[in-house]
Protein backbone atom coordinates (compact mmCIF):
# COMPACT_ATOMS: atom_id res chain seq x y z
CA MET A 1 12.58 -1.46 15.97
CA SER A 2 12.49 -5.10 14.76
CA ARG A 3 12.17 -8.49 16.00
CA SER A 4 13.07 -12.06 15.30
CA LYS A 5 11.07 -14.33 13.39
CA TYR A 6 11.09 -16.45 16.52
CA MET A 7 8.98 -13.36 18.49
CA ARG A 8 6.74 -13.08 15.82
CA SER A 9 5.80 -16.72 16.01
CA VAL A 10 5.24 -16.22 19.68
CA ALA A 11 3.37 -13.16 19.16
CA VAL A 12 1.09 -15.14 16.59
CA LEU A 13 1.05 -18.02 18.69
CA GLY A 14 -0.65 -15.50 21.43
CA ILE A 15 -3.17 -14.30 19.23
CA THR A 16 -4.29 -17.53 17.96
CA LEU A 17 -4.85 -18.58 21.53
CA LEU A 18 -6.86 -15.47 22.13
CA ALA A 19 -8.89 -16.04 19.24
CA LEU A 20 -9.54 -19.58 19.93
CA SER A 21 -10.94 -18.33 23.31
CA ALA A 22 -12.94 -15.54 21.45
CA CYS A 23 -14.35 -18.24 18.77
CA SER A 24 -15.22 -20.63 21.70
CA SER A 25 -17.33 -18.06 23.40
CA SER A 26 -18.87 -16.73 20.02
CA SER A 27 -19.29 -19.50 17.33
CA ASP A 28 -22.10 -21.05 19.09
CA ASP A 29 -24.24 -17.98 18.94
CA THR A 30 -22.97 -15.48 16.62
CA ALA A 31 -25.66 -13.14 17.45
CA ASP A 32 -23.51 -12.26 20.65
CA ALA A 33 -21.03 -10.67 18.10
CA SER A 34 -20.21 -7.08 17.79
CA PRO A 35 -20.63 -5.52 14.55
CA LEU A 36 -17.00 -5.25 12.63
CA LYS A 37 -16.19 -1.70 13.22
CA ILE A 38 -13.18 -0.52 10.75
CA GLY A 39 -11.70 2.85 10.78
CA THR A 40 -9.62 4.30 7.70
CA LEU A 41 -6.44 6.27 8.29
CA LEU A 42 -6.08 7.53 4.85
CA PRO A 43 -4.68 10.92 3.25
CA GLU A 44 -7.54 13.52 2.81
CA THR A 45 -4.54 15.88 3.65
CA GLY A 46 -0.77 16.15 3.22
CA SER A 47 1.95 14.94 0.56
CA LEU A 48 0.07 11.83 -0.64
CA ALA A 49 -3.54 13.37 -0.71
CA PHE A 50 -3.60 12.44 -4.23
CA LEU A 51 -3.74 8.89 -3.23
CA GLY A 52 -6.86 9.28 -0.91
CA PRO A 53 -9.95 9.53 -3.33
CA PRO A 54 -9.11 5.92 -4.68
CA GLU A 55 -8.43 4.40 -1.36
CA TYR A 56 -11.70 5.74 0.19
CA ALA A 57 -13.51 4.77 -2.76
CA ALA A 58 -11.87 1.18 -2.17
CA VAL A 59 -12.97 1.08 1.19
CA ASP A 60 -16.55 2.33 0.42
CA LEU A 61 -17.03 -0.22 -2.58
CA ALA A 62 -15.55 -3.15 -0.39
CA VAL A 63 -17.74 -2.48 2.28
CA ALA A 64 -20.93 -2.08 0.10
CA ASP A 65 -20.37 -5.66 -1.35
CA ILE A 66 -19.63 -7.18 2.03
CA ASN A 67 -22.94 -5.94 3.33
CA ALA A 68 -24.68 -6.64 0.16
CA ALA A 69 -23.54 -10.21 0.77
CA GLY A 70 -25.15 -10.11 4.30
CA GLY A 71 -22.37 -8.67 6.39
CA VAL A 72 -19.93 -10.19 8.53
CA LEU A 73 -21.54 -12.57 11.14
CA GLY A 74 -24.91 -11.31 10.10
CA MET A 75 -24.32 -7.62 10.77
CA ASP A 76 -23.35 -4.87 8.41
CA VAL A 77 -19.58 -3.74 8.56
CA GLU A 78 -19.55 -0.07 10.14
CA THR A 79 -16.72 2.12 8.75
CA ILE A 80 -15.39 5.53 10.52
CA LYS A 81 -13.66 7.30 7.78
CA GLY A 82 -10.12 9.23 8.98
CA ASP A 83 -7.60 11.23 7.94
CA SER A 84 -3.80 10.37 7.83
CA GLY A 85 -2.03 13.77 6.96
CA ASP A 86 1.55 13.26 6.54
CA THR A 87 4.73 12.80 8.81
CA THR A 88 4.71 16.83 9.50
CA THR A 89 1.58 16.89 11.15
CA ASP A 90 -0.04 15.34 14.52
CA ILE A 91 -3.38 14.28 12.11
CA ALA A 92 -2.81 10.92 12.53
CA GLN A 93 -2.20 10.38 16.20
CA THR A 94 -5.66 12.22 16.56
CA THR A 95 -7.19 9.95 14.19
CA VAL A 96 -5.90 6.77 15.64
CA ASP A 97 -7.01 8.16 19.51
CA SER A 98 -10.71 8.76 17.77
CA HIS A 99 -10.81 5.20 16.27
CA LEU A 100 -9.69 3.43 19.34
CA ALA A 101 -12.07 5.46 21.18
CA ALA A 102 -15.11 4.55 19.23
CA GLY A 103 -14.08 0.69 19.49
CA VAL A 104 -12.88 -0.18 16.36
CA SER A 105 -11.37 -3.64 15.63
CA ALA A 106 -9.01 -2.66 12.57
CA ILE A 107 -7.66 0.47 10.99
CA VAL A 108 -7.08 0.50 6.96
CA GLY A 109 -4.21 2.82 6.58
CA ALA A 110 -1.88 4.55 6.51
CA ALA A 111 -0.91 4.97 2.75
CA SER A 112 2.63 6.44 4.04
CA SER A 113 5.00 4.11 5.34
CA GLY A 114 6.29 6.91 7.52
CA VAL A 115 3.03 7.84 8.97
CA SER A 116 2.29 4.14 9.69
CA LEU A 117 5.38 3.73 11.77
CA THR A 118 4.31 6.96 13.76
CA VAL A 119 1.15 5.20 15.01
CA ILE A 120 1.80 1.65 14.60
CA ASP A 121 3.06 1.07 18.40
CA LYS A 122 -0.54 2.83 19.30
CA ILE A 123 -2.62 0.53 17.03
CA THR A 124 -1.22 -2.41 18.01
CA THR A 125 -0.73 -2.39 21.80
CA ALA A 126 -4.61 -1.46 21.67
CA GLY A 127 -4.72 -5.01 20.09
CA VAL A 128 -6.35 -3.63 17.06
CA VAL A 129 -5.29 -5.04 13.48
CA GLN A 130 -3.45 -2.20 11.22
CA PHE A 131 -3.96 -3.17 7.69
CA SER A 132 -2.09 -0.84 5.09
CA GLY A 133 -3.01 -1.34 1.34
CA ALA A 134 -0.25 1.03 0.28
CA ASN A 135 2.81 0.81 2.86
CA THR A 136 6.02 -0.50 1.12
CA SER A 137 8.68 0.29 3.40
CA PRO A 138 11.19 -2.92 3.92
CA ASP A 139 11.61 -1.50 7.76
CA LEU A 140 8.02 -2.81 8.35
CA THR A 141 8.63 -6.21 7.47
CA THR A 142 10.01 -7.51 10.80
CA TYR A 143 8.71 -4.68 13.02
CA ASP A 144 7.55 -5.67 16.44
CA ASP A 145 3.82 -5.23 15.84
CA LYS A 146 2.65 -7.89 18.23
CA GLY A 147 1.24 -10.04 15.11
CA LEU A 148 -1.56 -7.21 14.42
CA TYR A 149 0.17 -5.37 11.18
CA PHE A 150 -0.68 -6.62 7.57
CA ARG A 151 -0.42 -5.16 4.24
CA THR A 152 -1.34 -5.98 0.81
CA ALA A 153 1.26 -4.04 -1.03
CA PRO A 154 4.87 -5.70 -1.33
CA SER A 155 7.58 -4.27 0.10
CA ASP A 156 9.80 -2.09 -1.95
CA THR A 157 12.25 -4.96 -1.94
CA PHE A 158 10.26 -5.98 -4.98
CA GLN A 159 9.58 -2.48 -6.35
CA GLY A 160 12.98 -1.54 -5.96
CA ALA A 161 14.21 -4.52 -8.14
CA VAL A 162 11.73 -3.71 -10.67
CA LEU A 163 12.49 0.02 -10.55
CA GLY A 164 16.33 -0.79 -11.13
CA GLN A 165 15.63 -3.27 -13.98
CA LEU A 166 13.40 -0.59 -15.77
CA LEU A 167 16.49 2.08 -15.79
CA ALA A 168 18.68 -0.72 -17.02
CA SER A 169 16.33 -2.14 -19.84
CA GLY A 170 15.80 1.33 -20.65
CA GLY A 171 19.54 1.84 -21.83
CA ALA A 172 20.49 3.72 -19.00
CA THR A 173 24.41 2.93 -17.31
CA ASN A 174 24.79 5.97 -15.10
CA ALA A 175 21.48 6.83 -13.16
CA VAL A 176 20.71 9.39 -10.14
CA ILE A 177 18.06 8.40 -8.02
CA ILE A 178 16.60 11.30 -5.81
CA ASN A 179 14.78 10.58 -2.91
CA ARG A 180 12.87 11.80 0.35
CA ASP A 181 14.86 11.25 3.47
CA ASP A 182 12.08 9.25 5.05
CA ALA A 183 11.51 4.91 5.51
CA TYR A 184 9.60 5.11 2.14
CA GLY A 185 11.97 7.04 0.12
CA ASN A 186 15.46 5.48 1.45
CA GLY A 187 14.07 2.27 1.45
CA LEU A 188 12.78 2.06 -2.33
CA ALA A 189 16.11 4.16 -3.42
CA LYS A 190 18.15 1.67 -1.76
CA TYR A 191 16.66 -1.36 -3.37
CA ALA A 192 16.85 0.46 -6.92
CA ALA A 193 20.03 1.36 -6.85
CA ASN A 194 21.06 -2.12 -5.52
CA ALA A 195 19.29 -3.91 -8.72
CA PHE A 196 20.77 -1.18 -11.35
CA THR A 197 23.41 -2.80 -13.08
CA GLY A 198 25.24 0.55 -13.87
CA THR A 199 26.78 3.36 -12.14
CA SER A 200 24.24 4.86 -9.61
CA GLU A 201 24.31 7.77 -7.25
CA VAL A 202 21.65 8.38 -4.39
CA ILE A 203 20.84 11.97 -3.67
CA VAL A 204 18.46 12.82 -0.58
CA TYR A 205 16.54 15.69 0.22
CA GLY A 206 14.57 16.15 3.49
CA GLU A 207 10.89 15.28 3.77
CA ALA A 208 9.83 18.57 4.36
CA ALA A 209 12.07 20.55 1.69
CA LYS A 210 10.49 22.91 -0.59
CA GLU A 211 12.85 24.13 -2.73
CA PHE A 212 15.53 21.48 -4.66
CA SER A 213 17.84 23.83 -6.63
CA ALA A 214 20.96 22.45 -4.41
CA GLU A 215 19.64 18.78 -4.85
CA VAL A 216 19.05 19.01 -8.86
CA THR A 217 22.59 21.17 -9.12
CA LYS A 218 24.04 17.57 -7.60
CA VAL A 219 21.71 15.54 -10.26
CA LYS A 220 23.21 17.66 -13.07
CA ALA A 221 26.99 17.22 -11.83
CA ALA A 222 26.55 13.71 -12.13
CA ASN A 223 25.67 13.85 -15.82
CA PRO A 224 22.99 10.80 -15.47
CA ASP A 225 21.68 9.30 -18.48
CA ALA A 226 18.68 8.47 -16.40
CA ILE A 227 16.63 10.06 -13.18
CA ALA A 228 14.66 8.24 -10.87
CA ILE A 229 12.64 10.40 -8.40
CA VAL A 230 11.24 8.63 -5.02
CA GLY A 231 8.76 10.99 -3.53
CA PHE A 232 5.14 12.39 -3.05
CA GLU A 233 3.69 15.79 -4.42
CA GLU A 234 7.17 17.66 -4.24
CA THR A 235 7.77 15.74 -7.28
CA ALA A 236 6.35 18.31 -9.74
CA THR A 237 8.51 20.85 -8.11
CA ILE A 238 11.53 18.74 -8.47
CA ILE A 239 10.72 18.41 -12.12
CA GLN A 240 10.30 22.12 -12.39
CA GLU A 241 13.81 22.38 -10.71
CA LEU A 242 15.20 19.48 -13.19
CA ILE A 243 13.69 21.63 -16.44
CA LYS A 244 15.15 24.67 -15.24
CA GLN A 245 18.83 23.33 -15.00
CA GLY A 246 18.45 21.93 -18.52
CA ILE A 247 17.70 18.12 -17.63
CA GLY A 248 14.22 17.83 -17.64
CA PRO A 249 12.20 14.81 -19.08
CA ASP A 250 12.94 15.96 -22.49
CA LYS A 251 16.69 15.67 -21.90
CA VAL A 252 17.35 12.85 -19.61
CA LYS A 253 15.22 9.66 -19.46
CA LEU A 254 12.64 10.37 -16.02
CA TYR A 255 11.32 7.37 -14.05
CA LEU A 256 8.79 7.58 -10.77
CA CYS A 257 6.99 5.20 -8.95
CA ASP A 258 4.09 4.66 -6.62
CA GLY A 259 4.55 7.57 -4.45
CA ASN A 260 4.13 9.98 -7.25
CA LEU A 261 2.44 8.29 -10.32
CA SER A 262 -0.21 10.98 -10.80
CA GLY A 263 -2.69 11.64 -13.15
CA SER A 264 -3.03 15.12 -12.24
CA ALA A 265 0.35 16.63 -10.46
CA PHE A 266 2.18 17.66 -13.43
CA LYS A 267 -0.81 19.06 -15.94
CA ASP A 268 0.82 22.31 -15.12
CA LEU A 269 4.25 21.44 -16.75
CA PRO A 270 5.29 22.65 -20.20
CA ALA A 271 2.97 20.79 -22.42
CA GLY A 272 4.32 17.57 -23.44
CA ILE A 273 7.13 17.13 -21.25
CA MET A 274 6.31 14.14 -19.45
CA ASN A 275 5.38 12.06 -22.42
CA GLY A 276 7.79 8.66 -22.25
CA THR A 277 8.05 9.05 -18.69
CA LYS A 278 7.75 5.71 -16.91
CA ALA A 279 6.79 4.27 -13.22
CA THR A 280 6.19 1.56 -11.10
CA LEU A 281 3.19 0.79 -9.57
CA PRO A 282 2.35 -2.44 -7.12
CA GLY A 283 -0.70 -4.42 -7.91
CA ALA A 284 -2.38 -5.72 -11.12
CA TYR A 285 -3.89 -3.36 -13.66
CA ALA A 286 -7.32 -2.04 -12.36
CA THR A 287 -9.70 -3.48 -14.73
CA ALA A 288 -12.30 -1.56 -16.79
CA ASP A 289 -14.95 -2.95 -14.60
CA PHE A 290 -13.40 -2.21 -11.27
CA GLN A 291 -12.41 1.61 -12.60
CA ALA A 292 -16.07 1.80 -13.38
CA ARG A 293 -17.52 0.53 -10.13
CA LEU A 294 -15.03 2.90 -8.11
CA LEU A 295 -16.16 5.97 -10.29
CA GLU A 296 -19.78 4.69 -9.27
CA ILE A 297 -18.55 5.55 -5.42
CA ASP A 298 -16.46 8.86 -6.67
CA PRO A 299 -17.07 10.26 -10.08
CA GLU A 300 -14.09 12.60 -9.83
CA LEU A 301 -11.53 9.82 -9.59
CA VAL A 302 -8.44 10.45 -11.77
CA ASP A 303 -6.08 8.02 -10.22
CA PHE A 304 -6.52 4.15 -9.17
CA SER A 305 -3.27 3.88 -7.35
CA TYR A 306 -3.65 1.30 -4.38
CA ALA A 307 -7.34 0.93 -4.99
CA ALA A 308 -7.46 -2.84 -5.44
CA GLU A 309 -4.81 -3.28 -2.45
CA ASN A 310 -7.35 -1.35 -0.04
CA TYR A 311 -10.27 -3.38 -1.38
CA ASP A 312 -8.83 -6.49 -0.87
CA ALA A 313 -7.79 -5.22 2.79
CA VAL A 314 -11.34 -4.65 3.78
CA THR A 315 -12.46 -7.93 2.02
CA LEU A 316 -9.72 -9.92 4.00
CA ILE A 317 -10.59 -8.25 7.49
CA ALA A 318 -14.19 -9.22 7.16
CA LEU A 319 -13.21 -12.70 5.80
CA ALA A 320 -10.97 -13.55 8.93
CA ALA A 321 -13.94 -12.23 11.17
CA GLN A 322 -16.24 -14.49 9.49
CA ALA A 323 -14.06 -17.30 9.52
CA GLY A 324 -12.74 -16.75 13.04
CA GLY A 325 -16.33 -16.28 14.37
CA ALA A 326 -15.93 -12.79 16.23
CA THR A 327 -14.60 -9.15 15.37
CA ASP A 328 -12.32 -8.48 17.63
CA GLY A 329 -8.69 -7.67 16.48
CA ALA A 330 -7.02 -11.10 17.97
CA THR A 331 -9.47 -12.88 15.86
CA ILE A 332 -8.95 -11.08 12.75
CA ALA A 333 -5.33 -11.25 13.01
CA ALA A 334 -5.33 -15.22 13.89
CA ASN A 335 -7.34 -15.71 10.70
CA LEU A 336 -5.99 -13.22 8.03
CA GLN A 337 -3.40 -15.93 7.01
CA ALA A 338 -5.99 -18.69 6.79
CA VAL A 339 -8.17 -17.34 4.68
CA SER A 340 -5.34 -16.26 2.43
CA ALA A 341 -3.93 -19.22 1.47
CA GLY A 342 -4.29 -22.95 1.58
CA GLY A 343 -7.81 -23.60 1.08
CA GLU A 344 -10.69 -23.67 -2.00
CA LYS A 345 -9.73 -20.26 -4.26
CA CYS A 346 -12.60 -17.72 -4.06
CA THR A 347 -12.51 -13.97 -5.49
CA ASN A 348 -14.98 -12.21 -4.16
CA PHE A 349 -16.61 -11.78 -0.55
CA ALA A 350 -20.18 -13.21 -1.13
CA ASP A 351 -18.57 -16.70 -2.68
CA CYS A 352 -15.90 -16.90 -0.10
CA LYS A 353 -18.67 -16.38 2.81
CA ALA A 354 -20.30 -19.35 1.23
CA LEU A 355 -17.72 -21.38 1.27
CA LEU A 356 -16.93 -20.59 5.18
CA ASP A 357 -20.61 -21.19 5.88
CA ASP A 358 -20.26 -24.49 4.43
CA GLY A 359 -17.43 -25.32 6.42
CA LYS A 360 -14.88 -25.09 3.82
CA ASP A 361 -11.35 -23.40 4.28
CA ILE A 362 -10.62 -20.63 1.76
CA ASP A 363 -8.24 -19.02 -0.19
CA TYR A 364 -8.83 -15.62 -1.15
CA ASP A 365 -7.26 -14.50 -4.49
CA GLY A 366 -8.18 -10.76 -4.56
CA LEU A 367 -8.31 -7.71 -7.47
CA SER A 368 -4.49 -6.82 -6.40
CA GLY A 369 -3.31 -10.21 -7.30
CA PRO A 370 -2.68 -13.48 -5.17
CA VAL A 371 -2.70 -12.47 -1.52
CA GLU A 372 -0.89 -14.96 0.45
CA PHE A 373 0.44 -13.67 4.08
CA ASP A 374 3.57 -15.18 5.47
CA ALA A 375 4.34 -14.90 9.19
CA ASN A 376 5.30 -11.52 9.01
CA GLY A 377 1.81 -10.58 7.65
CA GLU A 378 3.66 -9.78 4.09
CA VAL A 379 2.16 -11.01 0.61
CA THR A 380 4.65 -13.49 -0.24
CA GLN A 381 3.56 -13.12 -4.30
CA ALA A 382 3.21 -9.76 -5.92
CA THR A 383 2.70 -7.74 -9.30
CA MET A 384 4.69 -5.01 -10.16
CA GLY A 385 3.08 -2.39 -12.95
CA VAL A 386 4.78 -0.42 -15.02
CA TYR A 387 3.03 2.82 -16.74
CA GLU A 388 4.16 5.42 -19.23
CA TYR A 389 2.81 8.97 -19.76
CA THR A 390 0.99 9.96 -22.78
CA ALA A 391 0.53 13.74 -21.50
CA ASN A 392 1.44 15.34 -18.69
CA ASP A 393 -2.26 14.27 -17.11
CA ALA A 394 -2.57 10.89 -18.81
CA TYR A 395 -0.41 7.46 -18.67
CA VAL A 396 -1.02 4.01 -19.74
CA ALA A 397 -0.24 0.81 -18.40
CA LYS A 398 2.55 -1.48 -20.05
CA PRO A 399 1.07 -4.97 -19.95
CA ASP A 400 4.31 -6.39 -21.29
CA GLU A 401 6.43 -4.96 -18.69
CA PHE A 402 4.58 -5.97 -15.96
CA VAL A 403 6.58 -8.23 -13.74
CA ASN A 404 5.07 -11.02 -11.53
CA GLY A 405 7.39 -12.60 -9.07
CA THR A 406 8.25 -13.49 -5.18
CA VAL A 407 8.61 -10.60 -3.09
CA PRO A 408 12.60 -10.71 -2.06
CA ALA A 409 13.55 -10.67 1.83
CA PRO A 410 15.38 -7.60 2.82
CA ILE A 411 19.18 -6.99 2.78
CA ASP A 412 21.11 -5.41 5.31
């Protein structure tokens, strides 16, 4: 399931050669290039459906900005919307098949690392770029993706480290981490426990589980002074069981993460019980201007998680195609690293395109932070946000607790 960095380099070299060939045939006459067509693989349904609206809005906003600036190679970018579902369904497979049949050059998604792992082979074997704005599993870092997988969200080697440190800085000495049994849950729990300086116990539940009394009984038996839940929409049910067994957030400090930080999931819990609960979320804080622009796309948004990362994903795909002079997957993959590092700084598609049109190298820094890809298609620097609930359906950023740093390499 993994590959050496040598094999990654060989794959990237092969794609680069293909891209150079594509550029040589299209750069003389970009009118021969095809319009950039992007498919989305984002959660309309399933256990991460609450993340879908901000991600879809971000994609639509990015495409609107790109097309307002003249599009890619003089043509409007086209998008095809598609649901990812979750790992309990075959929706992602059906969506990917449809996108590939439609001739997309890139697929944005999935949000779930587990879902991405079910379709990555199909996408990359077809020579199409897969670009996630929300995948965080360390399993994807060295996956054999033929040089075609990228992500703007940092690996959970970083979020795990920050979450573990957050538990400790909150005064915990005996923590329990309860997580879903999938690539995301196991990875984040592993790195959080590794970073925690006190005693910790990890309790795993099935990703399709609907009832959690046995797992919460184990949590209670550990007599923790802090509990972290690494999960998706099932988190609300887990918290209900914690309350039932007398270890709810009003009794034991509770910590959440990107997969369950939600402004709507906990509104039906006892009033105020979430107050003081903290959570981690990769990425810079969504500015008021960015939130306002997203709300113009979707006025019903209540969460903004991973909006910036998905906006940047689409923008980077477009810039890579513009820089390479063609819209095929090989050209995009071969130019993504180049447009993200080492050139003149720019922060939006219009300004970056103008620099490219002047023959300059660019370094796109996006809404999610400084995006600089390494040879694995990973961001090397990232921001980890910390948020705190002020009501069951509201949370605020804690800017003083945000962490900026280098994304650590996976550990065995």
